[in-house]
């Protein structure tokens, strides 16, 4: 399992137990790619601007494509509408509404620079340059770019780099000086200090590393000919540092922080590699790090038929809009990545910059229906591609120590008939007291009882071992069905001597959830399932009918014989802490099994979309399961 440094990510602050120390020299010795010294890195730098992601010739080519390609023309028209809207808005201000993050401002500035810069390059309308300068002049005068939350600094540096490079020939010498000095003083030099100390995000193996190295790297590549010493210093360190999180894509391209943070991390990983190639002619072997070429398969499999993602860890179910999938498609010759990006396009400037016209829509024939992503230890199984009513489940094992993790080992989500019947609740408010610290495991959405998994002896905190890792011990996929089994024992010690959970896609039209539990003594056991559906108990509580937007899914208890369902609010158990400010989880109900004095046995629930008719499968030990 992966070793991960605790830190919050996109909107986070320093997390949980703080930074896990590592031996920097030993880590560098394990880096998969040898990187050159600063002078050699800069030896192939293209002196002309633009050179970040696009050259002048590339912009000219794209200008022609937006006239001849119907898709690109529509996207360019949409972008023009956004640009016109920006023209009428005031420049951004230095605002930290939550007391910690300037990130919202940094991202707004970045989006505006990408939009205004690309529109000028496509249309030559000077209004976009003038409006960009008003934004940049205001941000350059900020007291700082909030380096205590360095994501803010990195994204603002990225914004300035794009504007400096794409509009270079439109700036006066004095304007260039203002932009250059701001990037150096408020971004690049501060990042060099962090690298020199081998501290913070420079040693992280999660999204902070990619965002900070990628954002500051854009600034370094924009200024490298004018400021070779600090820029070369940063690039040499960044080429080594970014390999730490890039190794985490191995072996299958998945991401322990979940699909949402996959998108954030990968977007910055890609922008850095793409800029290295466009400015220097090479990415120095970084794209060949094992697992990175597979990264595009993760959001494809982790998206259900509704388009919503498997929102484990600190995430929310959403459509993954990832322009970097176009770049990955070209880089690794995977047209399916481009098809995914085109179907879920965000209408952003990067959709046009990275665009790849290839790829079948919908997903190509022959794509595996099921996938086990190792290391991240998640499994996705489905009945079909290209069918909005297909049955799909996402099942999570993994590592509770992973950055942004919840105590959700054994959790799952399910879609059928075009609806997500079984849901994850998603992250709660990052600004709640101790969310990334001492109170993290007090919050319902982060505890096991807030997920679709088991809780043993809930009065003994916090429900799962926060340092436990759970592997997928068995995965099989065949045309007639699929299965996955996770060993969750470590998560429930000392209360359980054994706890294995299996999910089987039976005949690819129903799902069996089966737990084999052996506790250390008579124990209180809860089994939970969260749903936005209306729940009607039937058969004396042995079955439950879930109704959502006129569609139905039936849950039926197969074991143990005395058990019955109950319906609960999605709120903390009476024995759990209930800090104020928690999300009330409106519209969500919880289907539960409560087993008192349970010691050893099987818990099995059959989930069937539709009317739930048909014979129940005969129960077999997980070791004897077959995909058919």
Foldseek 3Di string as FASTA:
>chain_A
DDDFFAQAPDPFGRFAPGGDDDDVVVLLVPQPFDDDALVVLCPQFDPAFPQQLDHLVLLVVLLVCLVVPPLNVVLLVVLVVVLVVLLPDAADAQDDPLVADSQVNLVVLQQLLLSLLSNCSNPVDCSSLVSNLRNVVRVLPPPAQRCSNPLSLLSNLLSLLSNCGSCVVVDDPVSNVSSLVSLVPRALVVLLVCLVVVDDLLQGQFQSLLSNLLSNLSNLSSCCVPPVPSSSSSVRSSLSSNSNNLLLLPAQQDDLQFPVRLQNSVLSNLSNQSSSCRGRVGSSCSCVNHRNLRNLVHLVLQADLLQWGQFAFQGDTDHRQHLCLLVSCVVNVPLQSLLSNSVRHPSGSSNSSSHDPGHDPPHDPPDAQKDARPQSGKIKHWLDPPDLFIKIKIFGFFWLQHYRHALAHGFMWIGGHNDTFFGQPHHWDSSDPQCRYDCVLQALSRANLSGQFKFKQPLPPDRFDSGDGKHFPDWDDDNQWIKIKIWRQNGDPPFWPGWMWMWICGSSFKIKIKIWTATPFQIKMKGKTKGLFDWDADPQQQKIWGADPNWIKMKGKPDDPVKGKDKAQSADDPSGRDDPPTDRSPSMIMIMIIDGRDGTDMTMMMMGTHPPDDDDDDDDPPVPDDND
